[in-house]
Amino acid sequence: MTCYLLLFVALNYWQVGREEELNLRFDNTRAIRRDFDQPRGTIVTADGVVVAESTPNPPGSEFEFQRRYPTNDLFANVTGYYTFAFGSTQIERTQNDVLVGDTPEQQLRSLPNIVTGEDDSGSVRLTMDSRLQQVARDALGEREGSVVVMEPSTGAIRAMWSYPSFDPNLIATPDFDRAQDVITLATEDDRDPLLANAYQQRYMPGSTFKVLTTGIALENGRLSPATTFPDESEFVPPQTDDPIENFEATVCGGDLAEVFARSCNIPFARTALDLGPELMVGGLERWGLEEPLPIDLPRPVASTFGDSTDLDQSLPLLAIRGFGQNDVQMVPVHMAMVASAVANGGRMMEPYVVDATLDQSGRVLDDTEPEVWKTPLTLENAQLLNQLMQGVATVGTASCCIGLEGGVPVAAKTGTAQLNNSGEPERSHAWIIAFAPADAPRYAVAVMIEGVDDEISAGTGGRLAGPVAKTVLDAALAGG
């Protein structure tokens, strides 16, 4: 009896008390081997394209199944990879229990299969459309950057592409040395192809940030359609003798609609100063800055306004940040959410890529319910910003390149984030955010092209990123 009790205690100690610790040990491969020797479900797009699946290995292979990614790099930043030697990432990681059939509901539903030994694996259905994802990829081409297409009313992501990407098949291969070489080369690449740059990186937004500055000022009664700004080419903020200029020192002024459409810098520097650090920082919290994005993918980053400590003693920095320069950095997905909030009457929805999870029989285990994350604008101010962004598309910095097929009304804001110092070769991030139809929004888009070496102008964002946004919006609207 004593021996029995000792055995009972020992088994419970190792199998219950220290189960989690043992499962996490790097040298404990039992669980991984068990998973690799059982079926694993598929990941499919909203239009039914399989983007991850398990296929049987030939007899005599180390494992019975091999993970395969039929679309290669197209959805790599969303599916991630599933490997024996290097673990798993992205949806392959977050939805692992569903894919192998280990959720409590799946285990309950599969009780009859204990006798028959049938496959208990589940599947994951994405919100993303394979056709639109391909359009986004083709439109961006081999330029470093990201394209995000989102439904403003739900937060569902319809396309999310970043270049460069990677082929998860090369990492999921059973050839350990080859896979390790691929990972090593990718991690040494300064462009970070293993990261989903659309939501795991942030970049200076340039003038697209003026949407936020304008929204905060409208909410606090510091701007209105009747507000006018003086015609001027430079402005000296407090605490410095170094003037802020409009692009190429052009003279710019007029009412809110004009300075917004022309994307003058000085009016938004003045607006940020008029708000002051407290109202500006507090307003940005309502837009979700400084918080990791609530996306259903691992390790999202947060957009940032920069260090706000003692900003009242650094008013020139506050002024410059008011038009999206200095330490301001925004995540591409977040900028799509900004456009979506304007389009959605002031409500910013949580972004998501998993539409539903299903069991082996195709029955829904869980489906995503859209949720509001932030409400940075009243309906009235969202409608006003919508009108201002339509002006950018019709007579402003996006008018060159954002006109949609069939004359569908579109709202937009461009941005050119200058990266070079004076005297250095010109280099910038080219941005555009947009939504359409402007009068009944169905899709919002954010395009960021990183570190372009083209000659910088007030319309660089519209000229370079605008055609990409037009192409994907036309495709999205044509697809229904």
Protein backbone atom coordinates (compact mmCIF):
# COMPACT_ATOMS: atom_id res chain seq x y z
CA MET A 1 0.00 0.00 0.00
CA THR A 2 2.87 2.36 0.82
CA CYS A 3 4.48 1.69 -2.56
CA TYR A 4 1.14 2.26 -4.29
CA LEU A 5 0.69 5.60 -2.53
CA LEU A 6 4.22 6.66 -3.43
CA LEU A 7 3.61 5.72 -7.06
CA PHE A 8 0.30 7.61 -7.07
CA VAL A 9 1.94 10.75 -5.66
CA ALA A 10 4.87 10.53 -8.08
CA LEU A 11 2.64 10.13 -11.13
CA ASN A 12 0.49 13.09 -10.13
CA TYR A 13 3.60 15.17 -9.41
CA TRP A 14 5.05 14.62 -12.87
CA GLN A 15 1.92 14.30 -14.99
CA VAL A 16 -0.22 16.98 -13.33
CA GLY A 17 1.85 19.25 -11.11
CA ARG A 18 4.71 19.73 -13.58
CA GLU A 19 2.88 19.04 -16.84
CA GLU A 20 3.15 22.57 -18.22
CA GLU A 21 6.81 22.88 -17.27
CA LEU A 22 7.68 19.56 -18.94
CA ASN A 23 5.74 20.39 -22.07
CA LEU A 24 7.71 23.62 -22.47
CA ARG A 25 11.13 21.99 -22.16
CA PHE A 26 13.11 22.35 -25.39
CA ASP A 27 14.29 18.74 -25.22
CA ASN A 28 10.81 17.29 -24.75
CA THR A 29 9.66 16.47 -28.28
CA ARG A 30 7.02 13.89 -27.40
CA ALA A 31 4.08 16.30 -27.84
CA ILE A 32 5.52 17.68 -31.07
CA ARG A 33 6.11 14.21 -32.49
CA ARG A 34 2.59 13.19 -31.48
CA ASP A 35 1.13 16.20 -33.31
CA PHE A 36 3.24 15.57 -36.39
CA ASP A 37 1.96 12.03 -36.59
CA GLN A 38 -1.70 12.99 -36.67
CA PRO A 39 -3.80 14.87 -39.26
CA ARG A 40 -3.80 18.66 -39.11
CA GLY A 41 -6.63 20.71 -40.55
CA THR A 42 -6.63 23.25 -43.34
CA ILE A 43 -6.51 27.03 -43.38
CA VAL A 44 -8.70 28.41 -46.18
CA THR A 45 -9.54 31.86 -47.51
CA ALA A 46 -13.01 33.38 -47.60
CA ASP A 47 -13.27 32.36 -51.26
CA GLY A 48 -12.30 28.75 -50.53
CA VAL A 49 -8.63 28.69 -51.50
CA VAL A 50 -6.52 26.36 -49.34
CA VAL A 51 -3.48 28.21 -48.00
CA ALA A 52 -2.24 25.56 -45.53
CA GLU A 53 -2.79 21.79 -45.50
CA SER A 54 -1.20 18.52 -44.43
CA THR A 55 -0.36 15.87 -47.01
CA PRO A 56 0.72 12.24 -46.37
CA ASN A 57 4.42 11.52 -46.59
CA PRO A 58 5.77 8.51 -48.52
CA PRO A 59 6.14 5.25 -46.57
CA GLY A 60 9.31 5.15 -44.49
CA SER A 61 9.35 8.90 -43.77
CA GLU A 62 10.10 10.10 -40.25
CA PHE A 63 6.61 11.60 -39.96
CA GLU A 64 3.33 10.52 -41.45
CA PHE A 65 2.32 14.02 -42.60
CA GLN A 66 4.01 17.05 -44.16
CA ARG A 67 2.67 20.62 -43.82
CA ARG A 68 2.25 22.33 -47.20
CA TYR A 69 1.44 25.89 -48.26
CA PRO A 70 -0.05 25.84 -51.79
CA THR A 71 0.03 29.64 -52.29
CA ASN A 72 3.72 29.84 -51.28
CA ASP A 73 4.51 33.35 -49.98
CA LEU A 74 1.11 34.96 -50.69
CA PHE A 75 -0.35 34.35 -47.21
CA ALA A 76 2.85 33.54 -45.30
CA ASN A 77 2.55 36.53 -42.95
CA VAL A 78 -0.91 35.32 -41.92
CA THR A 79 -0.63 31.52 -41.88
CA GLY A 80 2.95 31.46 -40.60
CA TYR A 81 4.59 28.04 -40.61
CA TYR A 82 4.37 24.79 -38.66
CA THR A 83 7.57 22.79 -38.24
CA PHE A 84 9.09 20.10 -36.07
CA ALA A 85 12.45 21.81 -35.55
CA PHE A 86 11.54 25.50 -35.51
CA GLY A 87 8.09 25.58 -33.91
CA SER A 88 5.15 27.49 -35.34
CA THR A 89 4.10 31.08 -36.01
CA GLN A 90 1.02 33.16 -36.82
CA ILE A 91 -2.28 31.27 -37.25
CA GLU A 92 -0.48 27.95 -37.24
CA ARG A 93 0.43 28.83 -33.65
CA THR A 94 -2.63 30.69 -32.37
CA GLN A 95 -5.13 28.18 -33.82
CA ASN A 96 -3.09 25.04 -33.14
CA ASP A 97 -5.69 23.43 -30.87
CA VAL A 98 -8.41 23.84 -33.49
CA LEU A 99 -6.23 22.51 -36.29
CA VAL A 100 -5.31 19.33 -34.38
CA GLY A 101 -8.75 18.89 -32.80
CA ASP A 102 -7.76 19.56 -29.19
CA THR A 103 -10.33 22.17 -28.19
CA PRO A 104 -12.78 20.98 -25.48
CA GLU A 105 -15.71 21.25 -27.88
CA GLN A 106 -13.94 19.22 -30.56
CA GLN A 107 -12.99 16.54 -28.04
CA LEU A 108 -16.59 16.33 -26.85
CA ARG A 109 -17.94 16.13 -30.39
CA SER A 110 -15.39 13.46 -31.33
CA LEU A 111 -16.12 11.00 -28.51
CA PRO A 112 -17.65 8.52 -31.01
CA ASN A 113 -14.41 8.68 -33.01
CA ILE A 114 -12.44 7.11 -30.15
CA VAL A 115 -13.66 3.75 -31.38
CA THR A 116 -13.53 4.45 -35.12
CA GLY A 117 -10.24 6.38 -35.05
CA GLU A 118 -11.56 9.02 -37.45
CA ASP A 119 -9.82 12.35 -38.07
CA ASP A 120 -10.72 14.96 -35.41
CA SER A 121 -8.83 17.91 -36.88
CA GLY A 122 -10.55 21.25 -37.46
CA SER A 123 -10.10 24.05 -39.96
CA VAL A 124 -9.72 27.83 -39.95
CA ARG A 125 -11.57 30.08 -42.40
CA LEU A 126 -10.03 33.49 -43.04
CA THR A 127 -11.74 36.79 -43.79
CA MET A 128 -9.23 37.31 -46.59
CA ASP A 129 -9.94 37.03 -50.30
CA SER A 130 -7.23 35.28 -52.34
CA ARG A 131 -8.04 37.26 -55.48
CA LEU A 132 -7.77 40.61 -53.68
CA GLN A 133 -4.59 39.49 -51.93
CA GLN A 134 -3.05 38.74 -55.32
CA VAL A 135 -4.18 42.11 -56.67
CA ALA A 136 -2.53 43.85 -53.70
CA ARG A 137 0.66 41.89 -54.26
CA ASP A 138 0.77 42.66 -57.98
CA ALA A 139 -0.02 46.34 -57.46
CA LEU A 140 2.78 46.83 -54.92
CA GLY A 141 5.25 44.81 -56.96
CA GLU A 142 8.81 44.48 -55.70
CA ARG A 143 8.70 47.69 -53.69
CA GLU A 144 9.15 47.37 -49.94
CA GLY A 145 5.91 48.21 -48.22
CA SER A 146 2.45 47.06 -47.17
CA VAL A 147 -1.11 47.06 -48.45
CA VAL A 148 -4.10 46.55 -46.14
CA VAL A 149 -7.75 46.33 -47.21
CA MET A 150 -10.40 46.34 -44.49
CA GLU A 151 -14.16 46.48 -44.10
CA PRO A 152 -14.85 49.67 -42.10
CA SER A 153 -18.12 48.39 -40.63
CA THR A 154 -16.69 45.13 -39.23
CA GLY A 155 -12.90 45.33 -39.04
CA ALA A 156 -12.57 42.22 -41.24
CA ILE A 157 -9.29 42.30 -43.16
CA ARG A 158 -9.81 41.36 -46.81
CA ALA A 159 -6.18 41.66 -47.90
CA MET A 160 -2.92 42.22 -46.03
CA TRP A 161 0.25 41.96 -48.06
CA SER A 162 3.80 43.03 -47.23
CA TYR A 163 6.86 42.86 -49.46
CA PRO A 164 9.23 41.17 -48.99
CA SER A 165 7.56 38.00 -47.78
CA PHE A 166 8.84 34.41 -47.53
CA ASP A 167 7.86 30.91 -48.64
CA PRO A 168 6.84 28.85 -45.58
CA ASN A 169 7.35 25.63 -47.58
CA LEU A 170 11.10 26.24 -47.41
CA ILE A 171 10.95 26.31 -43.60
CA ALA A 172 8.43 23.49 -43.18
CA THR A 173 10.64 21.16 -45.21
CA PRO A 174 11.93 18.08 -43.33
CA ASP A 175 15.43 19.00 -44.53
CA PHE A 176 16.66 20.63 -41.30
CA ASP A 177 19.85 22.18 -42.72
CA ARG A 178 18.02 23.70 -45.66
CA ALA A 179 15.29 25.15 -43.43
CA GLN A 180 17.87 26.56 -41.03
CA ASP A 181 19.68 28.27 -43.91
CA VAL A 182 16.42 29.88 -45.03
CA ILE A 183 15.67 31.17 -41.54
CA THR A 184 19.23 32.44 -41.07
CA LEU A 185 19.19 34.37 -44.34
CA ALA A 186 15.77 35.83 -43.54
CA THR A 187 16.73 36.96 -40.04
CA GLU A 188 19.88 38.60 -41.39
CA ASP A 189 17.86 40.49 -44.01
CA ASP A 190 17.35 44.12 -42.90
CA ARG A 191 13.93 44.10 -44.57
CA ASP A 192 12.58 41.59 -41.99
CA PRO A 193 10.69 39.28 -44.39
CA LEU A 194 9.70 36.93 -41.54
CA LEU A 195 7.78 39.76 -39.87
CA ALA A 196 4.27 40.70 -40.96
CA ASN A 197 5.32 44.30 -41.53
CA ALA A 198 1.71 45.40 -42.04
CA TYR A 199 0.99 44.97 -38.33
CA GLN A 200 4.37 44.18 -36.73
CA GLN A 201 6.27 47.28 -37.89
CA ARG A 202 5.61 51.00 -37.67
CA TYR A 203 6.73 53.89 -39.86
CA MET A 204 6.68 57.67 -39.94
CA PRO A 205 3.27 58.51 -41.46
CA GLY A 206 3.83 61.98 -42.87
CA SER A 207 0.70 63.91 -43.74
CA THR A 208 -1.71 60.98 -43.37
CA PHE A 209 -1.38 61.81 -39.66
CA LYS A 210 -3.18 65.09 -40.30
CA VAL A 211 -6.42 63.10 -40.23
CA LEU A 212 -5.80 62.41 -36.53
CA THR A 213 -4.71 65.96 -35.71
CA THR A 214 -7.79 67.34 -37.48
CA GLY A 215 -10.09 64.84 -35.78
CA ILE A 216 -8.77 65.70 -32.31
CA ALA A 217 -9.13 69.43 -32.97
CA LEU A 218 -12.69 69.00 -34.25
CA GLU A 219 -13.60 66.95 -31.18
CA ASN A 220 -12.20 69.65 -28.90
CA GLY A 221 -13.79 72.58 -30.72
CA ARG A 222 -10.47 73.99 -31.93
CA LEU A 223 -11.30 73.58 -35.63
CA SER A 224 -14.46 73.97 -37.70
CA PRO A 225 -15.25 74.32 -41.40
CA ALA A 226 -15.15 78.10 -40.85
CA THR A 227 -11.59 78.07 -39.48
CA THR A 228 -9.11 79.95 -41.66
CA PHE A 229 -5.33 80.07 -41.65
CA PRO A 230 -3.10 82.94 -42.86
CA ASP A 231 -1.22 82.67 -46.13
CA GLU A 232 2.36 81.99 -45.09
CA SER A 233 5.41 79.99 -46.13
CA GLU A 234 7.05 79.70 -42.72
CA PHE A 235 6.08 79.81 -39.07
CA VAL A 236 8.30 80.07 -35.98
CA PRO A 237 6.84 78.05 -33.09
CA PRO A 238 7.51 78.99 -29.44
CA GLN A 239 10.81 78.06 -27.76
CA THR A 240 12.86 78.19 -30.98
CA ASP A 241 14.01 80.48 -33.76
CA ASP A 242 14.00 77.67 -36.32
CA PRO A 243 10.95 78.09 -38.58
CA ILE A 244 8.60 75.36 -39.79
CA GLU A 245 7.93 75.50 -43.53
CA ASN A 246 5.39 74.13 -45.93
CA PHE A 247 6.86 71.83 -48.55
CA GLU A 248 9.44 73.74 -50.61
CA ALA A 249 8.49 76.86 -48.64
CA THR A 250 5.32 77.31 -50.66
CA VAL A 251 2.78 79.87 -49.49
CA CYS A 252 -0.30 78.14 -48.15
CA GLY A 253 -3.38 79.20 -46.25
CA GLY A 254 -7.15 79.46 -46.46
CA ASP A 255 -10.03 77.60 -44.90
CA LEU A 256 -9.85 74.11 -43.42
CA ALA A 257 -10.94 72.39 -46.63
CA GLU A 258 -8.21 74.10 -48.65
CA VAL A 259 -5.29 73.50 -46.29
CA PHE A 260 -6.40 69.87 -45.78
CA ALA A 261 -6.66 69.22 -49.53
CA ARG A 262 -3.30 70.90 -50.23
CA SER A 263 -1.76 69.23 -47.15
CA CYS A 264 -0.04 72.36 -45.87
CA ASN A 265 2.21 71.72 -42.86
CA ILE A 266 1.96 74.99 -40.99
CA PRO A 267 -1.81 74.91 -40.27
CA PHE A 268 -1.48 71.52 -38.60
CA ALA A 269 1.59 72.58 -36.65
CA ARG A 270 -0.45 75.54 -35.41
CA THR A 271 -3.38 73.25 -34.61
CA ALA A 272 -1.23 70.90 -32.52
CA LEU A 273 0.13 73.87 -30.58
CA ASP A 274 -3.36 75.26 -30.07
CA LEU A 275 -4.46 71.90 -28.64
CA GLY A 276 -1.40 71.68 -26.39
CA PRO A 277 0.27 68.50 -25.16
CA GLU A 278 -2.51 67.35 -22.83
CA LEU A 279 -5.37 67.52 -25.33
CA MET A 280 -3.22 66.20 -28.17
CA VAL A 281 -1.92 63.18 -26.27
CA GLY A 282 -5.31 62.50 -24.71
CA GLY A 283 -6.95 62.69 -28.13
CA LEU A 284 -4.45 60.25 -29.60
CA GLU A 285 -5.29 57.75 -26.87
CA ARG A 286 -8.84 57.77 -28.25
CA TRP A 287 -7.37 56.79 -31.62
CA GLY A 288 -5.54 53.87 -29.99
CA LEU A 289 -1.95 55.12 -30.06
CA GLU A 290 0.49 53.58 -27.57
CA GLU A 291 -1.62 50.38 -27.41
CA PRO A 292 -0.80 47.16 -29.28
CA LEU A 293 -3.35 46.63 -32.03
CA PRO A 294 -6.14 44.23 -30.98
CA ILE A 295 -5.68 41.97 -34.01
CA ASP A 296 -6.12 38.20 -33.72
CA LEU A 297 -2.52 37.50 -34.71
CA PRO A 298 0.51 37.26 -32.42
CA ARG A 299 2.89 40.04 -31.39
CA PRO A 300 1.23 43.18 -32.79
CA VAL A 301 3.03 46.47 -32.23
CA ALA A 302 1.64 49.84 -31.17
CA SER A 303 1.62 53.11 -33.07
CA THR A 304 3.30 55.92 -31.16
CA PHE A 305 3.37 59.69 -30.90
CA GLY A 306 6.83 59.53 -29.37
CA ASP A 307 7.96 60.42 -25.87
CA SER A 308 5.44 62.88 -24.43
CA THR A 309 7.32 63.54 -21.19
CA ASP A 310 7.69 67.31 -20.64
CA LEU A 311 6.32 67.98 -24.12
CA ASP A 312 5.21 71.40 -22.87
CA GLN A 313 8.94 72.19 -22.70
CA SER A 314 9.42 70.99 -26.29
CA LEU A 315 6.67 72.78 -28.17
CA PRO A 316 8.56 72.78 -31.51
CA LEU A 317 8.44 68.97 -31.40
CA LEU A 318 4.70 69.07 -30.68
CA ALA A 319 4.24 71.31 -33.71
CA ILE A 320 6.26 69.05 -36.01
CA ARG A 321 4.48 65.93 -34.78
CA GLY A 322 1.16 67.60 -35.58
CA PHE A 323 1.83 66.90 -39.26
CA GLY A 324 3.28 63.41 -38.80
CA GLN A 325 7.04 63.97 -38.62
CA ASN A 326 9.69 63.62 -35.89
CA ASP A 327 9.02 60.59 -33.63
CA VAL A 328 5.49 59.80 -34.82
CA GLN A 329 5.23 56.24 -36.11
CA MET A 330 2.13 54.43 -37.30
CA VAL A 331 1.42 50.78 -38.09
CA PRO A 332 -0.04 50.22 -41.60
CA VAL A 333 -2.99 48.22 -40.24
CA HIS A 334 -3.65 51.05 -37.77
CA MET A 335 -3.75 53.57 -40.60
CA ALA A 336 -6.33 51.39 -42.35
CA MET A 337 -8.26 51.50 -39.07
CA VAL A 338 -7.98 55.31 -39.03
CA ALA A 339 -9.53 55.52 -42.50
CA SER A 340 -12.14 52.96 -41.45
CA ALA A 341 -13.08 54.98 -38.36
CA VAL A 342 -13.82 58.02 -40.51
CA ALA A 343 -15.77 55.83 -42.94
CA ASN A 344 -17.68 54.10 -40.13
CA GLY A 345 -19.15 57.19 -38.51
CA GLY A 346 -16.37 57.56 -35.93
CA ARG A 347 -16.25 53.95 -34.68
CA MET A 348 -12.94 52.09 -34.98
CA MET A 349 -13.50 48.33 -35.15
CA GLU A 350 -11.09 45.64 -33.95
CA PRO A 351 -9.25 44.17 -36.94
CA TYR A 352 -9.39 40.42 -37.50
CA VAL A 353 -8.35 37.79 -40.05
CA VAL A 354 -10.08 34.67 -38.63
CA ASP A 355 -13.68 34.56 -39.80
CA ALA A 356 -14.54 31.21 -38.18
CA THR A 357 -13.15 27.92 -36.92
CA LEU A 358 -14.84 24.66 -37.90
CA ASP A 359 -14.75 21.03 -36.85
CA GLN A 360 -14.07 18.07 -39.11
CA SER A 361 -17.71 17.96 -40.22
CA GLY A 362 -17.71 21.64 -41.19
CA ARG A 363 -19.78 22.74 -38.20
CA VAL A 364 -18.83 26.13 -36.77
CA LEU A 365 -16.89 26.01 -33.52
CA ASP A 366 -16.50 29.75 -33.18
CA ASP A 367 -17.07 32.74 -35.43
CA THR A 368 -15.75 36.24 -34.94
CA GLU A 369 -18.23 38.89 -33.86
CA PRO A 370 -17.22 42.44 -34.88
CA GLU A 371 -16.40 44.66 -31.91
CA VAL A 372 -15.81 48.39 -31.54
CA TRP A 373 -12.32 49.12 -30.19
CA LYS A 374 -12.33 52.93 -30.00
CA THR A 375 -14.70 55.78 -30.82
CA PRO A 376 -12.43 58.75 -31.58
CA LEU A 377 -15.04 60.79 -33.48
CA THR A 378 -18.65 61.80 -33.22
CA LEU A 379 -20.79 60.99 -36.23
CA GLU A 380 -20.88 64.70 -37.16
CA ASN A 381 -17.09 65.07 -37.11
CA ALA A 382 -16.60 61.78 -38.96
CA GLN A 383 -18.87 63.06 -41.72
CA LEU A 384 -16.92 66.33 -41.83
CA LEU A 385 -13.61 64.47 -42.13
CA ASN A 386 -15.16 62.33 -44.85
CA GLN A 387 -15.90 65.50 -46.82
CA LEU A 388 -12.39 66.82 -46.25
CA MET A 389 -10.88 63.55 -47.48
CA GLN A 390 -13.13 63.63 -50.55
CA GLY A 391 -11.61 67.02 -51.30
CA VAL A 392 -8.13 65.47 -51.22
CA ALA A 393 -9.29 62.96 -53.85
CA THR A 394 -10.99 65.48 -56.13
CA VAL A 395 -8.87 68.64 -55.97
CA GLY A 396 -6.01 67.83 -53.58
CA THR A 397 -2.84 65.79 -53.40
CA ALA A 398 -4.54 62.51 -54.40
CA SER A 399 -6.47 63.90 -57.38
CA CYS A 400 -3.76 62.73 -59.76
CA CYS A 401 -4.14 59.04 -59.14
CA ILE A 402 -7.09 57.86 -57.02
CA GLY A 403 -10.08 58.28 -59.36
CA LEU A 404 -12.01 55.00 -59.32
CA GLU A 405 -13.66 53.11 -62.16
CA GLY A 406 -17.18 54.26 -62.96
CA GLY A 407 -16.69 57.53 -61.10
CA VAL A 408 -17.25 55.91 -57.69
CA PRO A 409 -16.68 58.66 -55.08
CA VAL A 410 -13.59 58.10 -52.94
CA ALA A 411 -12.10 59.79 -49.88
CA ALA A 412 -8.34 59.84 -49.30
CA LYS A 413 -5.37 61.39 -47.53
CA THR A 414 -1.81 61.20 -48.79
CA GLY A 415 1.43 61.37 -46.88
CA THR A 416 5.11 61.85 -47.69
CA ALA A 417 7.32 61.18 -44.68
CA GLN A 418 10.69 62.74 -45.45
CA LEU A 419 13.52 60.61 -44.06
CA ASN A 420 16.63 62.46 -45.26
CA ASN A 421 18.33 65.36 -43.56
CA SER A 422 19.11 68.56 -45.42
CA GLY A 423 21.79 67.98 -48.07
CA GLU A 424 21.29 64.22 -48.17
CA PRO A 425 19.76 62.30 -51.09
CA GLU A 426 15.98 62.53 -50.97
CA ARG A 427 14.25 59.54 -49.39
CA SER A 428 10.74 59.13 -47.99
CA HIS A 429 7.89 56.81 -47.09
CA ALA A 430 4.99 57.24 -49.52
CA TRP A 431 1.53 56.76 -47.96
CA ILE A 432 -2.11 56.92 -48.84
CA ILE A 433 -5.22 55.96 -46.90
CA ALA A 434 -8.61 55.89 -48.59
CA PHE A 435 -12.12 54.45 -48.53
CA ALA A 436 -14.91 53.95 -51.05
CA PRO A 437 -17.63 54.53 -51.97
CA ALA A 438 -17.23 57.74 -50.00
CA ASP A 439 -21.00 58.15 -49.58
CA ALA A 440 -21.56 54.52 -48.44
CA PRO A 441 -18.15 53.08 -47.49
CA ARG A 442 -17.54 49.37 -48.03
CA TYR A 443 -13.74 49.14 -48.14
CA ALA A 444 -10.85 51.08 -46.63
CA VAL A 445 -7.24 50.78 -47.70
CA ALA A 446 -3.83 51.81 -46.42
CA VAL A 447 -0.77 51.70 -48.67
CA MET A 448 2.75 52.38 -47.45
CA ILE A 449 5.77 52.23 -49.77
CA GLU A 450 8.94 52.24 -47.71
CA GLY A 451 12.05 54.32 -48.28
CA VAL A 452 11.46 55.46 -51.85
CA ASP A 453 14.28 57.38 -53.54
CA ASP A 454 12.09 59.38 -55.92
CA GLU A 455 12.24 63.15 -55.87
CA ILE A 456 10.11 64.32 -52.96
CA SER A 457 7.14 66.56 -53.62
CA ALA A 458 3.89 67.45 -51.88
CA GLY A 459 2.21 64.80 -54.02
CA THR A 460 4.72 61.95 -53.66
CA GLY A 461 2.33 59.85 -51.57
CA GLY A 462 -0.49 60.29 -54.07
CA ARG A 463 1.74 59.76 -57.10
CA LEU A 464 3.38 56.55 -55.85
CA ALA A 465 0.92 54.98 -53.39
CA GLY A 466 -2.24 56.34 -55.02
CA PRO A 467 -2.24 53.98 -58.03
CA VAL A 468 -1.87 50.97 -55.69
CA ALA A 469 -4.85 52.10 -53.62
CA LYS A 470 -6.92 52.72 -56.76
CA THR A 471 -6.13 49.26 -58.13
CA VAL A 472 -7.11 47.39 -54.97
CA LEU A 473 -10.23 49.49 -54.34
CA ASP A 474 -11.39 48.97 -57.92
CA ALA A 475 -10.82 45.21 -57.52
CA ALA A 476 -12.56 45.09 -54.14
CA LEU A 477 -15.62 46.96 -55.40
CA ALA A 478 -15.77 44.86 -58.58
CA GLY A 479 -15.70 41.70 -56.48
CA GLY A 480 -18.93 42.59 -54.67
